[in-house]
Amino acid sequence: MAISSAICTSFKQEILVGTHNFTASSGNTFKIALYTSDASLGAGTTAYSTSNEISNTSGSAYTAGGATLTSSTPTTSGTTAICDFADVSYTSASFTANGALIYNDTQSDKAVAVIAFGGDKTVSSGTFTIQFPTADASNAIIRIA
């Protein structure tokens, strides 16, 4: 199995028919779920699944389905449309994650993007933070050029 970073192919088609609304105050609810190295996620992923999702081994830092993302209303940087989210932290956490899936909880859990961590990342009774990149044309987590 493998996790490879990608904007999901189904998402590309779905934005053209108006399925996803990233507007901060009135848009859809987006979540980020964490997965083990046994997961198979990539461009072909179409929806959130509990298969190989991580489990929290100590405390209640992680729950199935992951964390709700706080988005900023999409904007442009040059000729590129961009979307950004606030960083997500799980405190008092104990787990190992290999990657993540951003998905639209409002729209039948449709997949948006897969993030590969480049290997297992482990936290033991600490804080696990997903830090999103700078929101610009070269780095934003979601970019349409």
N, C-alpha and C. Protein backbone atom coordinates (compact mmCIF):
# COMPACT_ATOMS: atom_id res chain seq x y z
N MET A 1 0.84 -1.17 0.00
CA MET A 1 0.00 0.00 0.00
C MET A 1 0.89 1.24 0.00
N ALA A 2 0.29 2.33 -0.42
CA ALA A 2 1.08 3.57 -0.45
C ALA A 2 0.15 4.78 -0.41
N ILE A 3 0.70 5.86 0.09
CA ILE A 3 0.01 7.14 0.09
C ILE A 3 0.84 8.08 -0.76
N SER A 4 0.21 8.68 -1.77
CA SER A 4 0.93 9.64 -2.62
C SER A 4 0.15 10.94 -2.68
N SER A 5 0.86 12.04 -2.51
CA SER A 5 0.23 13.36 -2.51
C SER A 5 -0.37 13.66 -3.88
N ALA A 6 -1.61 14.16 -3.87
CA ALA A 6 -2.28 14.48 -5.13
C ALA A 6 -3.57 15.25 -4.86
N ILE A 7 -3.94 16.08 -5.81
CA ILE A 7 -5.30 16.61 -5.85
C ILE A 7 -6.11 15.50 -6.50
N CYS A 8 -7.16 15.06 -5.87
CA CYS A 8 -7.94 13.92 -6.36
C CYS A 8 -8.59 14.23 -7.71
N THR A 9 -8.50 13.29 -8.63
CA THR A 9 -9.04 13.47 -9.98
C THR A 9 -10.54 13.75 -9.94
N SER A 10 -11.27 13.05 -9.09
CA SER A 10 -12.72 13.27 -9.00
C SER A 10 -13.01 14.70 -8.54
N PHE A 11 -12.19 15.26 -7.66
CA PHE A 11 -12.36 16.64 -7.19
C PHE A 11 -12.24 17.62 -8.35
N LYS A 12 -11.31 17.39 -9.24
CA LYS A 12 -11.11 18.29 -10.39
C LYS A 12 -12.38 18.39 -11.22
N GLN A 13 -13.05 17.27 -11.44
CA GLN A 13 -14.30 17.27 -12.20
C GLN A 13 -15.41 17.91 -11.37
N GLU A 14 -15.45 17.61 -10.08
CA GLU A 14 -16.52 18.11 -9.21
C GLU A 14 -16.49 19.63 -9.04
N ILE A 15 -15.32 20.25 -9.10
CA ILE A 15 -15.30 21.71 -8.98
C ILE A 15 -15.90 22.36 -10.23
N LEU A 16 -15.81 21.69 -11.36
CA LEU A 16 -16.38 22.24 -12.59
C LEU A 16 -17.91 22.17 -12.62
N VAL A 17 -18.50 21.33 -11.78
CA VAL A 17 -19.96 21.26 -11.71
C VAL A 17 -20.49 21.87 -10.42
N GLY A 18 -19.63 22.53 -9.66
CA GLY A 18 -20.06 23.29 -8.49
C GLY A 18 -20.34 22.46 -7.24
N THR A 19 -19.70 21.31 -7.11
CA THR A 19 -19.94 20.45 -5.95
C THR A 19 -19.37 21.04 -4.66
N HIS A 20 -18.21 21.66 -4.73
CA HIS A 20 -17.49 22.10 -3.54
C HIS A 20 -17.54 23.62 -3.37
N ASN A 21 -17.81 24.07 -2.15
CA ASN A 21 -17.85 25.50 -1.82
C ASN A 21 -16.91 25.73 -0.64
N PHE A 22 -15.79 26.39 -0.89
CA PHE A 22 -14.77 26.63 0.13
C PHE A 22 -14.94 27.96 0.85
N THR A 23 -16.01 28.71 0.58
CA THR A 23 -16.21 30.02 1.21
C THR A 23 -16.18 29.85 2.73
N ALA A 24 -15.37 30.68 3.40
CA ALA A 24 -15.12 30.51 4.83
C ALA A 24 -16.37 30.52 5.69
N SER A 25 -17.23 31.50 5.55
CA SER A 25 -18.36 31.62 6.48
C SER A 25 -19.62 30.87 6.05
N SER A 26 -19.76 30.57 4.78
CA SER A 26 -21.01 29.98 4.30
C SER A 26 -20.82 28.74 3.43
N GLY A 27 -19.61 28.25 3.34
CA GLY A 27 -19.33 27.11 2.47
C GLY A 27 -19.54 25.77 3.12
N ASN A 28 -19.05 24.74 2.47
CA ASN A 28 -19.14 23.37 2.96
C ASN A 28 -18.18 23.14 4.13
N THR A 29 -18.38 22.02 4.84
CA THR A 29 -17.50 21.62 5.93
C THR A 29 -16.47 20.64 5.38
N PHE A 30 -15.20 20.99 5.54
CA PHE A 30 -14.11 20.13 5.09
C PHE A 30 -13.39 19.56 6.31
N LYS A 31 -12.95 18.32 6.19
CA LYS A 31 -12.25 17.64 7.28
C LYS A 31 -10.94 17.07 6.77
N ILE A 32 -10.08 16.72 7.73
CA ILE A 32 -8.82 16.04 7.40
C ILE A 32 -8.72 14.80 8.27
N ALA A 33 -8.60 13.64 7.63
CA ALA A 33 -8.49 12.36 8.32
C ALA A 33 -7.06 11.84 8.16
N LEU A 34 -6.57 11.17 9.18
CA LEU A 34 -5.21 10.64 9.18
C LEU A 34 -5.20 9.14 8.95
N TYR A 35 -4.15 8.66 8.25
CA TYR A 35 -4.09 7.25 7.85
C TYR A 35 -2.74 6.61 8.16
N THR A 36 -2.76 5.29 8.32
CA THR A 36 -1.55 4.51 8.54
C THR A 36 -0.86 4.22 7.21
N SER A 37 0.32 3.65 7.30
CA SER A 37 1.07 3.29 6.09
C SER A 37 0.41 2.16 5.31
N ASP A 38 -0.58 1.49 5.89
CA ASP A 38 -1.30 0.44 5.19
C ASP A 38 -2.36 0.98 4.23
N ALA A 39 -2.62 2.28 4.29
CA ALA A 39 -3.64 2.89 3.43
C ALA A 39 -3.14 3.01 1.99
N SER A 40 -4.08 2.99 1.09
CA SER A 40 -3.78 3.21 -0.33
C SER A 40 -4.58 4.44 -0.76
N LEU A 41 -3.89 5.59 -0.80
CA LEU A 41 -4.53 6.86 -1.13
C LEU A 41 -3.71 7.59 -2.19
N GLY A 42 -4.40 8.27 -3.10
CA GLY A 42 -3.71 9.03 -4.14
C GLY A 42 -4.73 9.72 -5.03
N ALA A 43 -4.32 10.03 -6.25
CA ALA A 43 -5.18 10.77 -7.20
C ALA A 43 -6.50 10.05 -7.45
N GLY A 44 -6.52 8.73 -7.37
CA GLY A 44 -7.73 7.96 -7.64
C GLY A 44 -8.70 7.87 -6.47
N THR A 45 -8.32 8.42 -5.31
CA THR A 45 -9.20 8.39 -4.15
C THR A 45 -10.42 9.27 -4.42
N THR A 46 -11.62 8.74 -4.17
CA THR A 46 -12.84 9.49 -4.47
C THR A 46 -13.63 9.92 -3.24
N ALA A 47 -13.39 9.28 -2.08
CA ALA A 47 -14.16 9.61 -0.88
C ALA A 47 -13.43 9.16 0.38
N TYR A 48 -13.80 9.77 1.49
CA TYR A 48 -13.29 9.37 2.80
C TYR A 48 -13.69 7.93 3.09
N SER A 49 -12.78 7.19 3.72
CA SER A 49 -13.04 5.83 4.14
C SER A 49 -12.37 5.62 5.49
N THR A 50 -12.95 4.75 6.30
CA THR A 50 -12.34 4.42 7.59
C THR A 50 -11.27 3.35 7.45
N SER A 51 -11.12 2.76 6.28
CA SER A 51 -10.13 1.71 6.05
C SER A 51 -8.72 2.24 6.25
N ASN A 52 -8.01 1.69 7.22
CA ASN A 52 -6.64 2.06 7.57
C ASN A 52 -6.50 3.48 8.12
N GLU A 53 -7.62 4.04 8.61
CA GLU A 53 -7.55 5.31 9.32
C GLU A 53 -6.87 5.04 10.66
N ILE A 54 -6.12 5.99 11.17
CA ILE A 54 -5.41 5.78 12.44
C ILE A 54 -6.42 5.67 13.58
N SER A 55 -5.94 5.15 14.70
CA SER A 55 -6.73 5.18 15.92
C SER A 55 -5.86 5.79 17.00
N ASN A 56 -6.45 6.53 17.88
CA ASN A 56 -5.73 7.16 18.98
C ASN A 56 -5.51 6.12 20.06
N THR A 57 -4.26 5.92 20.45
CA THR A 57 -3.96 4.87 21.42
C THR A 57 -3.95 5.36 22.86
N SER A 58 -4.06 6.67 23.06
CA SER A 58 -4.05 7.19 24.42
C SER A 58 -4.82 8.50 24.45
N GLY A 59 -5.85 8.56 25.25
CA GLY A 59 -6.62 9.80 25.32
C GLY A 59 -7.64 9.91 24.22
N SER A 60 -8.05 11.11 23.94
CA SER A 60 -9.10 11.31 22.94
C SER A 60 -8.72 12.37 21.92
N ALA A 61 -7.45 12.46 21.59
CA ALA A 61 -6.98 13.50 20.66
C ALA A 61 -7.50 13.28 19.24
N TYR A 62 -7.64 12.04 18.81
CA TYR A 62 -8.08 11.77 17.45
C TYR A 62 -9.35 10.95 17.47
N THR A 63 -10.33 11.38 16.70
CA THR A 63 -11.56 10.61 16.55
C THR A 63 -11.75 10.27 15.09
N ALA A 64 -12.42 9.17 14.83
CA ALA A 64 -12.68 8.75 13.46
C ALA A 64 -13.30 9.89 12.66
N GLY A 65 -12.85 10.06 11.46
CA GLY A 65 -13.32 11.15 10.61
C GLY A 65 -12.38 12.33 10.61
N GLY A 66 -11.54 12.42 11.63
CA GLY A 66 -10.55 13.48 11.67
C GLY A 66 -11.07 14.81 12.18
N ALA A 67 -10.32 15.85 11.93
CA ALA A 67 -10.62 17.19 12.43
C ALA A 67 -11.32 18.04 11.37
N THR A 68 -12.18 18.93 11.84
CA THR A 68 -12.82 19.90 10.94
C THR A 68 -11.81 20.99 10.61
N LEU A 69 -11.70 21.30 9.33
CA LEU A 69 -10.76 22.34 8.88
C LEU A 69 -11.43 23.70 8.88
N THR A 70 -10.65 24.72 9.19
CA THR A 70 -11.10 26.11 9.08
C THR A 70 -10.49 26.66 7.82
N SER A 71 -11.33 26.98 6.85
CA SER A 71 -10.81 27.47 5.57
C SER A 71 -10.86 28.99 5.51
N SER A 72 -10.01 29.52 4.65
CA SER A 72 -10.11 30.93 4.31
C SER A 72 -10.77 30.98 2.93
N THR A 73 -11.56 31.99 2.69
CA THR A 73 -12.24 32.09 1.40
C THR A 73 -11.21 32.09 0.27
N PRO A 74 -11.42 31.28 -0.76
CA PRO A 74 -10.46 31.21 -1.86
C PRO A 74 -10.20 32.60 -2.46
N THR A 75 -8.99 32.74 -2.93
CA THR A 75 -8.55 34.01 -3.52
C THR A 75 -7.64 33.69 -4.70
N THR A 76 -6.98 34.69 -5.22
CA THR A 76 -6.01 34.47 -6.29
C THR A 76 -4.65 35.03 -5.90
N SER A 77 -3.64 34.44 -6.48
CA SER A 77 -2.27 34.90 -6.35
C SER A 77 -1.72 34.90 -7.76
N GLY A 78 -1.61 36.09 -8.35
CA GLY A 78 -1.28 36.16 -9.77
C GLY A 78 -2.43 35.59 -10.56
N THR A 79 -2.15 34.60 -11.39
CA THR A 79 -3.20 33.97 -12.19
C THR A 79 -3.64 32.62 -11.63
N THR A 80 -3.25 32.34 -10.39
CA THR A 80 -3.56 31.06 -9.76
C THR A 80 -4.62 31.24 -8.67
N ALA A 81 -5.66 30.42 -8.72
CA ALA A 81 -6.66 30.41 -7.65
C ALA A 81 -6.13 29.53 -6.53
N ILE A 82 -6.30 29.99 -5.28
CA ILE A 82 -5.75 29.25 -4.15
C ILE A 82 -6.76 29.10 -3.02
N CYS A 83 -6.59 28.04 -2.26
CA CYS A 83 -7.41 27.79 -1.08
C CYS A 83 -6.47 27.37 0.05
N ASP A 84 -6.75 27.84 1.25
CA ASP A 84 -5.90 27.56 2.39
C ASP A 84 -6.74 27.18 3.59
N PHE A 85 -6.11 26.48 4.53
CA PHE A 85 -6.77 26.10 5.78
C PHE A 85 -5.87 26.49 6.95
N ALA A 86 -6.49 26.69 8.10
CA ALA A 86 -5.73 26.92 9.32
C ALA A 86 -5.05 25.61 9.73
N ASP A 87 -3.88 25.71 10.36
CA ASP A 87 -3.18 24.53 10.84
C ASP A 87 -4.08 23.77 11.83
N VAL A 88 -3.87 22.46 11.92
CA VAL A 88 -4.65 21.60 12.81
C VAL A 88 -3.71 20.95 13.81
N SER A 89 -4.07 20.98 15.09
CA SER A 89 -3.27 20.33 16.13
C SER A 89 -4.12 19.36 16.93
N TYR A 90 -3.52 18.20 17.21
CA TYR A 90 -4.11 17.21 18.10
C TYR A 90 -3.25 17.22 19.35
N THR A 91 -3.81 17.63 20.49
CA THR A 91 -3.03 17.70 21.73
C THR A 91 -3.25 16.45 22.57
N SER A 92 -2.31 16.16 23.43
CA SER A 92 -2.32 14.94 24.26
C SER A 92 -2.55 13.71 23.39
N ALA A 93 -1.83 13.65 22.29
CA ALA A 93 -2.03 12.59 21.30
C ALA A 93 -0.95 11.53 21.38
N SER A 94 -1.34 10.31 21.03
CA SER A 94 -0.41 9.19 20.90
C SER A 94 -0.86 8.35 19.71
N PHE A 95 -0.19 8.53 18.58
CA PHE A 95 -0.51 7.75 17.39
C PHE A 95 0.60 7.90 16.36
N THR A 96 0.50 7.08 15.31
CA THR A 96 1.41 7.16 14.17
C THR A 96 0.57 7.34 12.92
N ALA A 97 0.93 8.34 12.12
CA ALA A 97 0.22 8.61 10.86
C ALA A 97 1.23 8.68 9.72
N ASN A 98 0.79 8.25 8.54
CA ASN A 98 1.65 8.25 7.36
C ASN A 98 1.16 9.24 6.31
N GLY A 99 -0.10 9.67 6.43
CA GLY A 99 -0.66 10.60 5.46
C GLY A 99 -2.05 11.03 5.87
N ALA A 100 -2.64 11.89 5.03
CA ALA A 100 -3.95 12.46 5.37
C ALA A 100 -4.79 12.63 4.11
N LEU A 101 -6.09 12.72 4.34
CA LEU A 101 -7.06 12.98 3.28
C LEU A 101 -7.90 14.18 3.68
N ILE A 102 -7.94 15.19 2.81
CA ILE A 102 -8.87 16.30 2.97
C ILE A 102 -10.12 15.91 2.20
N TYR A 103 -11.27 16.03 2.86
CA TYR A 103 -12.52 15.65 2.19
C TYR A 103 -13.66 16.58 2.57
N ASN A 104 -14.71 16.57 1.76
CA ASN A 104 -15.87 17.44 1.94
C ASN A 104 -16.95 16.68 2.71
N ASP A 105 -17.05 16.97 4.00
CA ASP A 105 -18.01 16.30 4.87
C ASP A 105 -19.45 16.63 4.48
N THR A 106 -19.67 17.81 3.93
CA THR A 106 -21.02 18.24 3.53
C THR A 106 -21.50 17.50 2.29
N GLN A 107 -20.59 17.20 1.39
CA GLN A 107 -20.94 16.59 0.11
C GLN A 107 -20.57 15.10 0.07
N SER A 108 -21.21 14.31 0.89
CA SER A 108 -21.06 12.85 0.88
C SER A 108 -19.62 12.39 1.04
N ASP A 109 -18.81 13.15 1.79
CA ASP A 109 -17.42 12.77 2.10
C ASP A 109 -16.55 12.66 0.85
N LYS A 110 -16.83 13.48 -0.15
CA LYS A 110 -16.06 13.45 -1.40
C LYS A 110 -14.62 13.90 -1.15
N ALA A 111 -13.67 13.18 -1.74
CA ALA A 111 -12.24 13.45 -1.57
C ALA A 111 -11.83 14.73 -2.28
N VAL A 112 -10.91 15.47 -1.66
CA VAL A 112 -10.36 16.69 -2.25
C VAL A 112 -8.88 16.50 -2.57
N ALA A 113 -8.09 16.16 -1.55
CA ALA A 113 -6.65 16.04 -1.74
C ALA A 113 -6.06 15.04 -0.76
N VAL A 114 -4.98 14.40 -1.19
CA VAL A 114 -4.23 13.47 -0.36
C VAL A 114 -2.88 14.09 -0.05
N ILE A 115 -2.46 13.97 1.21
CA ILE A 115 -1.16 14.48 1.63
C ILE A 115 -0.34 13.32 2.17
N ALA A 116 0.78 13.03 1.53
CA ALA A 116 1.71 12.01 2.02
C ALA A 116 2.71 12.69 2.94
N PHE A 117 2.96 12.11 4.10
CA PHE A 117 3.89 12.70 5.06
C PHE A 117 5.34 12.30 4.79
N GLY A 118 5.57 11.43 3.81
CA GLY A 118 6.93 11.02 3.48
C GLY A 118 7.48 9.97 4.44
N GLY A 119 6.59 9.29 5.14
CA GLY A 119 6.98 8.27 6.12
C GLY A 119 6.11 8.38 7.34
N ASP A 120 6.26 7.44 8.24
CA ASP A 120 5.48 7.46 9.48
C ASP A 120 5.89 8.63 10.35
N LYS A 121 4.92 9.32 10.92
CA LYS A 121 5.13 10.40 11.88
C LYS A 121 4.44 9.97 13.16
N THR A 122 5.19 9.92 14.26
CA THR A 122 4.68 9.41 15.53
C THR A 122 4.70 10.48 16.59
N VAL A 123 3.63 10.51 17.38
CA VAL A 123 3.55 11.38 18.55
C VAL A 123 3.18 10.51 19.74
N SER A 124 3.80 10.79 20.88
CA SER A 124 3.53 10.02 22.09
C SER A 124 3.26 10.99 23.23
N SER A 125 2.01 11.07 23.65
CA SER A 125 1.58 11.99 24.71
C SER A 125 2.06 13.41 24.43
N GLY A 126 1.85 13.85 23.19
CA GLY A 126 2.28 15.19 22.80
C GLY A 126 1.31 15.82 21.83
N THR A 127 1.79 16.84 21.12
CA THR A 127 0.96 17.54 20.15
C THR A 127 1.41 17.19 18.74
N PHE A 128 0.46 16.78 17.92
CA PHE A 128 0.69 16.46 16.51
C PHE A 128 0.05 17.58 15.71
N THR A 129 0.85 18.30 14.92
CA THR A 129 0.34 19.45 14.17
C THR A 129 0.51 19.23 12.67
N ILE A 130 -0.54 19.52 11.93
CA ILE A 130 -0.47 19.55 10.48
C ILE A 130 -0.40 21.03 10.11
N GLN A 131 0.75 21.42 9.58
CA GLN A 131 0.99 22.82 9.23
C GLN A 131 0.83 22.97 7.72
N PHE A 132 -0.16 23.74 7.32
CA PHE A 132 -0.38 23.96 5.90
C PHE A 132 0.63 24.96 5.35
N PRO A 133 1.00 24.81 4.07
CA PRO A 133 2.00 25.70 3.48
C PRO A 133 1.46 27.12 3.27
N THR A 134 2.36 28.03 2.96
CA THR A 134 2.00 29.41 2.67
C THR A 134 0.96 29.46 1.56
N ALA A 135 -0.04 30.31 1.74
CA ALA A 135 -1.12 30.43 0.75
C ALA A 135 -0.70 31.36 -0.38
N ASP A 136 0.05 30.82 -1.32
CA ASP A 136 0.43 31.59 -2.50
C ASP A 136 0.42 30.68 -3.72
N ALA A 137 0.69 31.24 -4.89
CA ALA A 137 0.58 30.50 -6.14
C ALA A 137 1.52 29.31 -6.24
N SER A 138 2.61 29.35 -5.51
CA SER A 138 3.60 28.26 -5.58
C SER A 138 3.43 27.21 -4.51
N ASN A 139 2.75 27.54 -3.39
CA ASN A 139 2.77 26.66 -2.23
C ASN A 139 1.42 26.26 -1.66
N ALA A 140 0.35 26.99 -1.91
CA ALA A 140 -0.94 26.71 -1.27
C ALA A 140 -1.32 25.24 -1.44
N ILE A 141 -2.01 24.70 -0.45
CA ILE A 141 -2.37 23.28 -0.45
C ILE A 141 -3.28 22.94 -1.64
N ILE A 142 -4.14 23.87 -2.03
CA ILE A 142 -4.98 23.67 -3.23
C ILE A 142 -4.72 24.86 -4.15
N ARG A 143 -4.24 24.55 -5.37
CA ARG A 143 -3.90 25.57 -6.36
C ARG A 143 -4.48 25.18 -7.71
N ILE A 144 -5.10 26.13 -8.36
CA ILE A 144 -5.57 25.91 -9.73
C ILE A 144 -4.90 26.95 -10.59
N ALA A 145 -3.98 26.51 -11.41
CA ALA A 145 -3.18 27.43 -12.22
C ALA A 145 -3.70 27.50 -13.65
